[in-house]
PDB file of N, CA and C in Angstrom:
ATOM      1  N   MET A   1      89.318 103.724 105.753  1.00  0.00           N
ATOM      2  CA  MET A   1      90.331 103.751 104.729  1.00  0.00           C
ATOM      3  C   MET A   1      91.676 103.347 105.339  1.00  0.00           C
ATOM      4  N   THR A   2      92.358 102.439 104.710  1.00  0.00           N
ATOM      5  CA  THR A   2      93.660 101.972 105.172  1.00  0.00           C
ATOM      6  C   THR A   2      94.658 103.128 105.216  1.00  0.00           C
ATOM      7  N   HIS A   3      95.450 103.142 106.282  1.00  0.00           N
ATOM      8  CA  HIS A   3      96.513 104.137 106.433  1.00  0.00           C
ATOM      9  C   HIS A   3      97.836 103.410 106.655  1.00  0.00           C
ATOM     10  N   TYR A   4      98.908 103.994 106.141  1.00  0.00           N
ATOM     11  CA  TYR A   4     100.241 103.419 106.254  1.00  0.00           C
ATOM     12  C   TYR A   4     101.158 104.391 106.976  1.00  0.00           C
ATOM     13  N   LEU A   5     102.020 103.852 107.804  1.00  0.00           N
ATOM     14  CA  LEU A   5     103.062 104.647 108.441  1.00  0.00           C
ATOM     15  C   LEU A   5     104.392 104.227 107.846  1.00  0.00           C
ATOM     16  N   ILE A   6     105.183 105.208 107.490  1.00  0.00           N
ATOM     17  CA  ILE A   6     106.524 104.970 106.975  1.00  0.00           C
ATOM     18  C   ILE A   6     107.489 105.657 107.936  1.00  0.00           C
ATOM     19  N   ALA A   7     108.430 104.897 108.449  1.00  0.00           N
ATOM     20  CA  ALA A   7     109.401 105.434 109.405  1.00  0.00           C
ATOM     21  C   ALA A   7     110.805 105.275 108.854  1.00  0.00           C
ATOM     22  N   LYS A   8     111.564 106.369 108.916  1.00  0.00           N
ATOM     23  CA  LYS A   8     112.996 106.362 108.620  1.00  0.00           C
ATOM     24  C   LYS A   8     113.684 106.583 109.952  1.00  0.00           C
ATOM     25  N   ILE A   9     114.464 105.611 110.377  1.00  0.00           N
ATOM     26  CA  ILE A   9     115.060 105.656 111.711  1.00  0.00           C
ATOM     27  C   ILE A   9     116.581 105.527 111.605  1.00  0.00           C
ATOM     28  N   GLU A  10     117.272 106.412 112.285  1.00  0.00           N
ATOM     29  CA  GLU A  10     118.737 106.343 112.391  1.00  0.00           C
ATOM     30  C   GLU A  10     119.058 105.889 113.807  1.00  0.00           C
ATOM     31  N   ILE A  11     119.469 104.628 113.941  1.00  0.00           N
ATOM     32  CA  ILE A  11     119.717 104.029 115.257  1.00  0.00           C
ATOM     33  C   ILE A  11     121.160 104.320 115.670  1.00  0.00           C
ATOM     34  N   ASP A  12     121.295 104.905 116.870  1.00  0.00           N
ATOM     35  CA  ASP A  12     122.612 105.230 117.411  1.00  0.00           C
ATOM     36  C   ASP A  12     123.044 104.286 118.532  1.00  0.00           C
ATOM     37  N   ASP A  13     122.063 103.692 119.226  1.00  0.00           N
ATOM     38  CA  ASP A  13     122.340 102.833 120.381  1.00  0.00           C
ATOM     39  C   ASP A  13     121.514 101.560 120.238  1.00  0.00           C
ATOM     40  N   ARG A  14     122.128 100.525 119.697  1.00  0.00           N
ATOM     41  CA  ARG A  14     121.418  99.260 119.425  1.00  0.00           C
ATOM     42  C   ARG A  14     120.917  98.596 120.707  1.00  0.00           C
ATOM     43  N   GLU A  15     121.661  98.684 121.773  1.00  0.00           N
ATOM     44  CA  GLU A  15     121.253  98.048 123.029  1.00  0.00           C
ATOM     45  C   GLU A  15     119.970  98.692 123.569  1.00  0.00           C
ATOM     46  N   GLU A  16     119.905  99.998 123.574  1.00  0.00           N
ATOM     47  CA  GLU A  16     118.703 100.693 124.036  1.00  0.00           C
ATOM     48  C   GLU A  16     117.543 100.454 123.069  1.00  0.00           C
ATOM     49  N   TYR A  17     117.832 100.446 121.781  1.00  0.00           N
ATOM     50  CA  TYR A  17     116.784 100.215 120.776  1.00  0.00           C
ATOM     51  C   TYR A  17     116.202  98.803 120.915  1.00  0.00           C
ATOM     52  N   ALA A  18     117.016  97.855 121.331  1.00  0.00           N
ATOM     53  CA  ALA A  18     116.539  96.482 121.528  1.00  0.00           C
ATOM     54  C   ALA A  18     115.443  96.417 122.595  1.00  0.00           C
ATOM     55  N   LYS A  19     115.484  97.304 123.573  1.00  0.00           N
ATOM     56  CA  LYS A  19     114.433  97.362 124.594  1.00  0.00           C
ATOM     57  C   LYS A  19     113.107  97.780 123.963  1.00  0.00           C
ATOM     58  N   TYR A  20     113.177  98.696 123.027  1.00  0.00           N
ATOM     59  CA  TYR A  20     111.993  99.126 122.278  1.00  0.00           C
ATOM     60  C   TYR A  20     111.452  97.964 121.439  1.00  0.00           C
ATOM     61  N   GLU A  21     112.337  97.303 120.725  1.00  0.00           N
ATOM     62  CA  GLU A  21     111.923  96.182 119.870  1.00  0.00           C
ATOM     63  C   GLU A  21     111.268  95.071 120.673  1.00  0.00           C
ATOM     64  N   ALA A  22     111.777  94.803 121.866  1.00  0.00           N
ATOM     65  CA  ALA A  22     111.268  93.698 122.684  1.00  0.00           C
ATOM     66  C   ALA A  22     109.805  93.878 123.062  1.00  0.00           C
ATOM     67  N   GLY A  23     109.352  95.106 123.238  1.00  0.00           N
ATOM     68  CA  GLY A  23     107.971  95.329 123.635  1.00  0.00           C
ATOM     69  C   GLY A  23     107.058  95.799 122.527  1.00  0.00           C
ATOM     70  N   PHE A  24     107.621  96.047 121.357  1.00  0.00           N
ATOM     71  CA  PHE A  24     106.863  96.674 120.278  1.00  0.00           C
ATOM     72  C   PHE A  24     105.674  95.854 119.773  1.00  0.00           C
ATOM     73  N   ILE A  25     105.911  94.624 119.362  1.00  0.00           N
ATOM     74  CA  ILE A  25     104.889  93.867 118.633  1.00  0.00           C
ATOM     75  C   ILE A  25     103.640  93.609 119.467  1.00  0.00           C
ATOM     76  N   ASP A  26     103.788  93.348 120.759  1.00  0.00           N
ATOM     77  CA  ASP A  26     102.620  93.092 121.595  1.00  0.00           C
ATOM     78  C   ASP A  26     101.690  94.300 121.645  1.00  0.00           C
ATOM     79  N   ILE A  27     102.251  95.480 121.783  1.00  0.00           N
ATOM     80  CA  ILE A  27     101.440  96.702 121.808  1.00  0.00           C
ATOM     81  C   ILE A  27     100.868  96.970 120.416  1.00  0.00           C
ATOM     82  N   PHE A  28     101.685  96.851 119.411  1.00  0.00           N
ATOM     83  CA  PHE A  28     101.300  97.118 118.026  1.00  0.00           C
ATOM     84  C   PHE A  28     100.105  96.273 117.589  1.00  0.00           C
ATOM     85  N   MET A  29     100.119  94.994 117.915  1.00  0.00           N
ATOM     86  CA  MET A  29      99.058  94.075 117.496  1.00  0.00           C
ATOM     87  C   MET A  29      97.719  94.392 118.162  1.00  0.00           C
ATOM     88  N   LYS A  30      97.741  94.957 119.351  1.00  0.00           N
ATOM     89  CA  LYS A  30      96.499  95.316 120.055  1.00  0.00           C
ATOM     90  C   LYS A  30      95.690  96.343 119.279  1.00  0.00           C
ATOM     91  N   TYR A  31      96.357  97.112 118.440  1.00  0.00           N
ATOM     92  CA  TYR A  31      95.699  98.197 117.711  1.00  0.00           C
ATOM     93  C   TYR A  31      95.488  97.862 116.232  1.00  0.00           C
ATOM     94  N   LYS A  32      95.500  96.569 115.923  1.00  0.00           N
ATOM     95  CA  LYS A  32      95.223  96.067 114.571  1.00  0.00           C
ATOM     96  C   LYS A  32      96.271  96.497 113.549  1.00  0.00           C
ATOM     97  N   GLY A  33      97.493  96.714 114.041  1.00  0.00           N
ATOM     98  CA  GLY A  33      98.578  97.057 113.132  1.00  0.00           C
ATOM     99  C   GLY A  33      99.084  95.828 112.398  1.00  0.00           C
ATOM    100  N   LYS A  34      99.572  96.047 111.196  1.00  0.00           N
ATOM    101  CA  LYS A  34     100.135  94.967 110.388  1.00  0.00           C
ATOM    102  C   LYS A  34     101.512  95.408 109.904  1.00  0.00           C
ATOM    103  N   MET A  35     102.522  94.638 110.238  1.00  0.00           N
ATOM    104  CA  MET A  35     103.886  94.933 109.820  1.00  0.00           C
ATOM    105  C   MET A  35     104.049  94.483 108.366  1.00  0.00           C
ATOM    106  N   LEU A  36     104.388  95.407 107.482  1.00  0.00           N
ATOM    107  CA  LEU A  36     104.539  95.078 106.067  1.00  0.00           C
ATOM    108  C   LEU A  36     105.996  94.927 105.646  1.00  0.00           C
ATOM    109  N   ALA A  37     106.876  95.763 106.203  1.00  0.00           N
ATOM    110  CA  ALA A  37     108.290  95.675 105.822  1.00  0.00           C
ATOM    111  C   ALA A  37     109.166  96.358 106.855  1.00  0.00           C
ATOM    112  N   VAL A  38     110.327  95.760 107.089  1.00  0.00           N
ATOM    113  CA  VAL A  38     111.396  96.360 107.890  1.00  0.00           C
ATOM    114  C   VAL A  38     112.677  96.061 107.124  1.00  0.00           C
ATOM    115  N   ASP A  39     113.430  97.106 106.822  1.00  0.00           N
ATOM    116  CA  ASP A  39     114.628  96.905 106.015  1.00  0.00           C
ATOM    117  C   ASP A  39     115.738  97.817 106.529  1.00  0.00           C
ATOM    118  N   GLU A  40     116.918  97.251 106.694  1.00  0.00           N
ATOM    119  CA  GLU A  40     118.069  98.043 107.114  1.00  0.00           C
ATOM    120  C   GLU A  40     119.011  98.336 105.947  1.00  0.00           C
ATOM    121  N   ASP A  41     118.634  97.892 104.764  1.00  0.00           N
ATOM    122  CA  ASP A  41     119.456  98.152 103.590  1.00  0.00           C
ATOM    123  C   ASP A  41     118.569  98.287 102.352  1.00  0.00           C
ATOM    124  N   PRO A  42     117.674  99.302 102.343  1.00  0.00           N
ATOM    125  CA  PRO A  42     116.797  99.442 101.183  1.00  0.00           C
ATOM    126  C   PRO A  42     117.577  99.876  99.945  1.00  0.00           C
ATOM    127  N   GLU A  43     117.078  99.497  98.805  1.00  0.00           N
ATOM    128  CA  GLU A  43     117.686  99.902  97.545  1.00  0.00           C
ATOM    129  C   GLU A  43     117.195 101.310  97.214  1.00  0.00           C
ATOM    130  N   VAL A  44     118.106 102.248  97.172  1.00  0.00           N
ATOM    131  CA  VAL A  44     117.761 103.640  96.872  1.00  0.00           C
ATOM    132  C   VAL A  44     117.770 103.810  95.357  1.00  0.00           C
ATOM    133  N   LEU A  45     116.604 104.140  94.816  1.00  0.00           N
ATOM    134  CA  LEU A  45     116.489 104.325  93.369  1.00  0.00           C
ATOM    135  C   LEU A  45     116.702 105.771  92.949  1.00  0.00           C
ATOM    136  N   GLU A  46     116.446 106.693  93.884  1.00  0.00           N
ATOM    137  CA  GLU A  46     116.597 108.106  93.560  1.00  0.00           C
ATOM    138  C   GLU A  46     116.845 108.881  94.848  1.00  0.00           C
ATOM    139  N   GLY A  47     117.739 109.838  94.816  1.00  0.00           N
ATOM    140  CA  GLY A  47     117.996 110.676  95.974  1.00  0.00           C
ATOM    141  C   GLY A  47     118.806 109.967  97.040  1.00  0.00           C
ATOM    142  N   GLU A  48     118.590 110.398  98.282  1.00  0.00           N
ATOM    143  CA  GLU A  48     119.313 109.830  99.418  1.00  0.00           C
ATOM    144  C   GLU A  48     118.320 109.269 100.426  1.00  0.00           C
ATOM    145  N   TRP A  49     118.740 108.297 101.180  1.00  0.00           N
ATOM    146  CA  TRP A  49     117.898 107.680 102.208  1.00  0.00           C
ATOM    147  C   TRP A  49     118.761 107.447 103.438  1.00  0.00           C
ATOM    148  N   PRO A  50     119.020 108.510 104.204  1.00  0.00           N
ATOM    149  CA  PRO A  50     119.916 108.394 105.364  1.00  0.00           C
ATOM    150  C   PRO A  50     119.201 107.804 106.578  1.00  0.00           C
ATOM    151  N   ALA A  51     119.125 106.500 106.610  1.00  0.00           N
ATOM    152  CA  ALA A  51     118.487 105.816 107.740  1.00  0.00           C
ATOM    153  C   ALA A  51     119.099 104.436 107.883  1.00  0.00           C
ATOM    154  N   THR A  52     119.173 103.961 109.124  1.00  0.00           N
ATOM    155  CA  THR A  52     119.663 102.603 109.345  1.00  0.00           C
ATOM    156  C   THR A  52     118.520 101.605 109.359  1.00  0.00           C
ATOM    157  N   ARG A  53     117.277 102.099 109.465  1.00  0.00           N
ATOM    158  CA  ARG A  53     116.110 101.211 109.445  1.00  0.00           C
ATOM    159  C   ARG A  53     114.936 101.953 108.812  1.00  0.00           C
ATOM    160  N   THR A  54     114.264 101.258 107.914  1.00  0.00           N
ATOM    161  CA  THR A  54     113.047 101.783 107.301  1.00  0.00           C
ATOM    162  C   THR A  54     111.928 100.798 107.597  1.00  0.00           C
ATOM    163  N   VAL A  55     110.785 101.343 108.038  1.00  0.00           N
ATOM    164  CA  VAL A  55     109.664 100.499 108.459  1.00  0.00           C
ATOM    165  C   VAL A  55     108.401 100.950 107.731  1.00  0.00           C
ATOM    166  N   LEU A  56     107.617  99.982 107.286  1.00  0.00           N
ATOM    167  CA  LEU A  56     106.322 100.245 106.671  1.00  0.00           C
ATOM    168  C   LEU A  56     105.279  99.409 107.396  1.00  0.00           C
ATOM    169  N   VAL A  57     104.279 100.090 107.974  1.00  0.00           N
ATOM    170  CA  VAL A  57     103.212  99.382 108.680  1.00  0.00           C
ATOM    171  C   VAL A  57     101.855  99.852 108.170  1.00  0.00           C
ATOM    172  N   GLU A  58     100.857  99.031 108.432  1.00  0.00           N
ATOM    173  CA  GLU A  58      99.501  99.305 107.965  1.00  0.00           C
ATOM    174  C   GLU A  58      98.529  99.271 109.130  1.00  0.00           C
ATOM    175  N   PHE A  59      97.571 100.179 109.105  1.00  0.00           N
ATOM    176  CA  PHE A  59      96.465 100.175 110.052  1.00  0.00           C
ATOM    177  C   PHE A  59      95.169 100.254 109.256  1.00  0.00           C
ATOM    178  N   PRO A  60      94.086  99.707 109.794  1.00  0.00           N
ATOM    179  CA  PRO A  60      92.824  99.719 109.050  1.00  0.00           C
ATOM    180  C   PRO A  60      92.280 101.125 108.796  1.00  0.00           C
ATOM    181  N   ASP A  61      92.656 102.076 109.644  1.00  0.00           N
ATOM    182  CA  ASP A  61      92.191 103.449 109.473  1.00  0.00           C
ATOM    183  C   ASP A  61      93.051 104.386 110.314  1.00  0.00           C
ATOM    184  N   SER A  62      92.825 105.673 110.131  1.00  0.00           N
ATOM    185  CA  SER A  62      93.594 106.691 110.845  1.00  0.00           C
ATOM    186  C   SER A  62      93.397 106.587 112.351  1.00  0.00           C
ATOM    187  N   LYS A  63      92.179 106.317 112.781  1.00  0.00           N
ATOM    188  CA  LYS A  63      91.889 106.231 114.211  1.00  0.00           C
ATOM    189  C   LYS A  63      92.716 105.147 114.884  1.00  0.00           C
ATOM    190  N   ALA A  64      92.805 103.970 114.267  1.00  0.00           N
ATOM    191  CA  ALA A  64      93.591 102.876 114.847  1.00  0.00           C
ATOM    192  C   ALA A  64      95.061 103.274 114.961  1.00  0.00           C
ATOM    193  N   ALA A  65      95.581 103.945 113.939  1.00  0.00           N
ATOM    194  CA  ALA A  65      96.980 104.378 113.969  1.00  0.00           C
ATOM    195  C   ALA A  65      97.211 105.369 115.099  1.00  0.00           C
ATOM    196  N   HIS A  66      96.310 106.340 115.233  1.00  0.00           N
ATOM    197  CA  HIS A  66      96.454 107.333 116.298  1.00  0.00           C
ATOM    198  C   HIS A  66      96.237 106.723 117.678  1.00  0.00           C
ATOM    199  N   ASP A  67      95.286 105.805 117.785  1.00  0.00           N
ATOM    200  CA  ASP A  67      95.062 105.137 119.070  1.00  0.00           C
ATOM    201  C   ASP A  67      96.316 104.412 119.519  1.00  0.00           C
ATOM    202  N   TRP A  68      96.997 103.737 118.588  1.00  0.00           N
ATOM    203  CA  TRP A  68      98.251 103.041 118.910  1.00  0.00           C
ATOM    204  C   TRP A  68      99.338 104.043 119.292  1.00  0.00           C
ATOM    205  N   TYR A  69      99.602 104.998 118.388  1.00  0.00           N
ATOM    206  CA  TYR A  69     100.712 105.922 118.598  1.00  0.00           C
ATOM    207  C   TYR A  69     100.532 106.756 119.863  1.00  0.00           C
ATOM    208  N   ASP A  70      99.312 107.178 120.124  1.00  0.00           N
ATOM    209  CA  ASP A  70      99.037 108.044 121.267  1.00  0.00           C
ATOM    210  C   ASP A  70      98.809 107.295 122.572  1.00  0.00           C
ATOM    211  N   SER A  71      98.748 105.967 122.512  1.00  0.00           N
ATOM    212  CA  SER A  71      98.473 105.191 123.725  1.00  0.00           C
ATOM    213  C   SER A  71      99.583 105.376 124.754  1.00  0.00           C
ATOM    214  N   GLU A  72      99.193 105.333 126.005  1.00  0.00           N
ATOM    215  CA  GLU A  72     100.161 105.486 127.097  1.00  0.00           C
ATOM    216  C   GLU A  72     101.206 104.381 127.053  1.00  0.00           C
ATOM    217  N   GLU A  73     100.758 103.151 126.764  1.00  0.00           N
ATOM    218  CA  GLU A  73     101.718 102.041 126.762  1.00  0.00           C
ATOM    219  C   GLU A  73     102.733 102.176 125.625  1.00  0.00           C
ATOM    220  N   TYR A  74     102.308 102.652 124.446  1.00  0.00           N
ATOM    221  CA  TYR A  74     103.278 102.838 123.372  1.00  0.00           C
ATOM    222  C   TYR A  74     104.212 104.008 123.669  1.00  0.00           C
ATOM    223  N   GLN A  75     103.665 105.107 124.137  1.00  0.00           N
ATOM    224  CA  GLN A  75     104.502 106.270 124.422  1.00  0.00           C
ATOM    225  C   GLN A  75     105.531 105.968 125.512  1.00  0.00           C
ATOM    226  N   THR A  76     105.167 105.136 126.472  1.00  0.00           N
ATOM    227  CA  THR A  76     106.130 104.707 127.492  1.00  0.00           C
ATOM    228  C   THR A  76     107.248 103.889 126.850  1.00  0.00           C
ATOM    229  N   LEU A  77     106.872 102.928 126.013  1.00  0.00           N
ATOM    230  CA  LEU A  77     107.859 102.103 125.324  1.00  0.00           C
ATOM    231  C   LEU A  77     108.718 102.943 124.375  1.00  0.00           C
ATOM    232  N   ALA A  78     108.108 103.889 123.699  1.00  0.00           N
ATOM    233  CA  ALA A  78     108.816 104.704 122.705  1.00  0.00           C
ATOM    234  C   ALA A  78     109.954 105.521 123.311  1.00  0.00           C
ATOM    235  N   GLN A  79     109.947 105.705 124.619  1.00  0.00           N
ATOM    236  CA  GLN A  79     111.040 106.445 125.254  1.00  0.00           C
ATOM    237  C   GLN A  79     112.385 105.779 124.965  1.00  0.00           C
ATOM    238  N   HIS A  80     112.391 104.441 124.843  1.00  0.00           N
ATOM    239  CA  HIS A  80     113.630 103.731 124.484  1.00  0.00           C
ATOM    240  C   HIS A  80     114.057 104.099 123.068  1.00  0.00           C
ATOM    241  N   ARG A  81     113.086 104.181 122.147  1.00  0.00           N
ATOM    242  CA  ARG A  81     113.407 104.565 120.768  1.00  0.00           C
ATOM    243  C   ARG A  81     113.917 105.994 120.707  1.00  0.00           C
ATOM    244  N   PHE A  82     113.280 106.871 121.457  1.00  0.00           N
ATOM    245  CA  PHE A  82     113.705 108.277 121.470  1.00  0.00           C
ATOM    246  C   PHE A  82     115.139 108.421 121.980  1.00  0.00           C
ATOM    247  N   LYS A  83     115.511 107.615 122.984  1.00  0.00           N
ATOM    248  CA  LYS A  83     116.871 107.661 123.534  1.00  0.00           C
ATOM    249  C   LYS A  83     117.899 107.070 122.574  1.00  0.00           C
ATOM    250  N   ALA A  84     117.462 106.076 121.793  1.00  0.00           N
ATOM    251  CA  ALA A  84     118.393 105.288 120.987  1.00  0.00           C
ATOM    252  C   ALA A  84     118.508 105.727 119.537  1.00  0.00           C
ATOM    253  N   SER A  85     117.619 106.606 119.084  1.00  0.00           N
ATOM    254  CA  SER A  85     117.590 106.895 117.652  1.00  0.00           C
ATOM    255  C   SER A  85     116.952 108.248 117.359  1.00  0.00           C
ATOM    256  N   ASP A  86     117.108 108.655 116.117  1.00  0.00           N
ATOM    257  CA  ASP A  86     116.388 109.800 115.573  1.00  0.00           C
ATOM    258  C   ASP A  86     115.534 109.257 114.439  1.00  0.00           C
ATOM    259  N   GLY A  87     114.323 109.762 114.334  1.00  0.00           N
ATOM    260  CA  GLY A  87     113.469 109.232 113.286  1.00  0.00           C
ATOM    261  C   GLY A  87     112.524 110.248 112.697  1.00  0.00           C
ATOM    262  N   ASN A  88     112.002 109.891 111.561  1.00  0.00           N
ATOM    263  CA  ASN A  88     110.948 110.629 110.881  1.00  0.00           C
ATOM    264  C   ASN A  88     109.861 109.620 110.556  1.00  0.00           C
ATOM    265  N   ILE A  89     108.631 109.953 110.922  1.00  0.00           N
ATOM    266  CA  ILE A  89     107.509 109.054 110.687  1.00  0.00           C
ATOM    267  C   ILE A  89     106.395 109.850 110.024  1.00  0.00           C
ATOM    268  N   ILE A  90     105.867 109.299 108.942  1.00  0.00           N
ATOM    269  CA  ILE A  90     104.736 109.923 108.276  1.00  0.00           C
ATOM    270  C   ILE A  90     103.592 108.919 108.175  1.00  0.00           C
ATOM    271  N   MET A  91     102.376 109.448 108.004  1.00  0.00           N
ATOM    272  CA  MET A  91     101.218 108.592 107.764  1.00  0.00           C
ATOM    273  C   MET A  91     100.596 109.024 106.449  1.00  0.00           C
ATOM    274  N   ILE A  92     100.300 108.035 105.605  1.00  0.00           N
ATOM    275  CA  ILE A  92      99.668 108.321 104.320  1.00  0.00           C
ATOM    276  C   ILE A  92      98.410 107.470 104.177  1.00  0.00           C
ATOM    277  N   LYS A  93      97.469 107.978 103.406  1.00  0.00           N
ATOM    278  CA  LYS A  93      96.216 107.265 103.143  1.00  0.00           C
ATOM    279  C   LYS A  93      96.400 106.314 101.972  1.00  0.00           C
ATOM    280  N   GLY A  94      95.769 105.155 102.082  1.00  0.00           N
ATOM    281  CA  GLY A  94      95.765 104.220 100.973  1.00  0.00           C
ATOM    282  C   GLY A  94      94.641 104.555  99.999  1.00  0.00           C
ATOM    283  N   PHE A  95      94.637 103.885  98.863  1.00  0.00           N
ATOM    284  CA  PHE A  95      93.562 104.051  97.884  1.00  0.00           C
ATOM    285  C   PHE A  95      92.373 103.202  98.282  1.00  0.00           C
ATOM    286  N   GLU A  96      91.204 103.766  98.189  1.00  0.00           N
ATOM    287  CA  GLU A  96      89.986 102.982  98.422  1.00  0.00           C
ATOM    288  C   GLU A  96      88.831 103.650  97.773  1.00  0.00           C
TER     289      GLU A  96
END
Protein backbone atom coordinates (compact mmCIF):
# COMPACT_ATOMS: atom_id res chain seq x y z
CA MET A 1 0.00 0.00 0.00
CA THR A 2 1.36 3.41 -0.97
CA HIS A 3 2.47 5.61 1.91
CA TYR A 4 3.04 9.37 1.90
CA LEU A 5 5.27 11.50 4.08
CA ILE A 6 4.31 15.09 4.74
CA ALA A 7 6.96 17.35 6.25
CA LYS A 8 6.52 20.84 7.66
CA ILE A 9 9.97 22.36 8.04
CA GLU A 10 11.01 25.69 9.54
CA ILE A 11 14.47 26.44 8.13
CA ASP A 12 16.68 28.65 10.29
CA ASP A 13 20.07 28.18 8.58
CA ARG A 14 19.88 28.01 4.78
CA GLU A 15 23.61 27.34 4.36
CA GLU A 16 23.54 24.27 6.62
CA TYR A 17 20.24 23.11 5.10
CA ALA A 18 21.84 23.29 1.64
CA LYS A 19 24.24 20.53 2.73
CA TYR A 20 21.22 18.34 3.46
CA GLU A 21 19.62 19.18 0.11
CA ALA A 22 22.82 18.38 -1.79
CA GLY A 23 22.84 14.75 -0.65
CA PHE A 24 19.13 14.12 -0.30
CA ILE A 25 17.94 12.94 -3.71
CA ASP A 26 20.62 10.29 -4.26
CA ILE A 27 19.76 8.56 -0.98
CA PHE A 28 16.02 9.09 -1.41
CA MET A 29 15.91 7.47 -4.87
CA LYS A 30 17.67 4.31 -3.62
CA TYR A 31 14.60 3.55 -1.52
CA LYS A 32 12.04 4.01 -4.32
CA GLY A 33 10.93 7.39 -3.04
CA LYS A 34 9.05 9.74 -5.33
CA MET A 35 9.08 13.50 -4.77
CA LEU A 36 5.55 14.83 -5.31
CA ALA A 37 5.74 18.42 -4.08
CA VAL A 38 8.02 20.94 -2.38
CA ASP A 39 6.59 24.35 -1.65
CA GLU A 40 7.88 27.30 0.34
CA ASP A 41 4.69 29.31 -0.05
CA PRO A 42 1.67 27.00 0.16
CA GLU A 43 -1.80 28.49 -0.01
CA VAL A 44 -3.34 28.13 3.45
CA LEU A 45 -7.06 27.46 3.11
CA GLU A 46 -7.78 26.96 6.79
CA GLY A 47 -5.89 27.47 10.04
CA GLU A 48 -2.18 28.21 10.22
CA TRP A 49 0.80 26.63 8.49
CA PRO A 50 3.96 27.87 10.23
CA ALA A 51 6.65 26.42 8.00
CA THR A 52 9.15 27.74 5.49
CA ARG A 53 9.04 24.48 3.50
CA THR A 54 6.39 21.83 3.00
CA VAL A 55 7.30 18.52 1.37
CA LEU A 56 5.14 15.66 0.11
CA VAL A 57 6.80 12.39 -0.88
CA GLU A 58 5.57 8.94 -1.82
CA PHE A 59 6.90 5.47 -1.12
CA PRO A 60 5.50 2.20 -2.46
CA ASP A 61 4.90 0.94 1.08
CA SER A 62 5.63 1.55 4.75
CA LYS A 63 8.71 -0.68 4.70
CA ALA A 64 10.40 1.35 1.95
CA ALA A 65 9.70 4.58 3.85
CA HIS A 66 11.13 3.18 7.08
CA ASP A 67 14.11 1.63 5.30
CA TRP A 68 14.96 5.07 3.87
CA TYR A 69 14.33 7.08 7.03
CA ASP A 70 16.11 4.63 9.31
CA SER A 71 19.08 4.04 7.00
CA GLU A 72 22.49 4.98 8.33
CA GLU A 73 23.25 7.08 5.25
CA TYR A 74 20.04 9.12 5.59
CA GLN A 75 20.39 9.59 9.33
CA THR A 76 23.96 10.81 8.80
CA LEU A 77 22.78 13.30 6.18
CA ALA A 78 19.78 14.34 8.29
CA GLN A 79 22.14 15.74 10.93
CA HIS A 80 22.46 18.81 8.66
CA ARG A 81 18.66 19.18 8.62
CA PHE A 82 18.47 18.78 12.38
CA LYS A 83 21.08 21.55 12.84
CA ALA A 84 19.45 23.87 10.31
CA SER A 85 15.74 23.49 10.98
CA ASP A 86 12.86 22.28 13.09
CA GLY A 87 10.36 19.98 11.50
CA ASN A 88 7.34 17.78 11.84
CA ILE A 89 7.01 14.72 9.63
CA ILE A 90 4.07 12.36 9.42
CA MET A 91 3.37 9.25 7.37
CA ILE A 92 -0.09 8.45 6.07
CA LYS A 93 -1.49 5.48 4.15
CA GLY A 94 -2.89 5.92 0.68
CA PHE A 95 -6.14 4.40 -0.56
CA GLU A 96 -5.91 0.99 -2.15
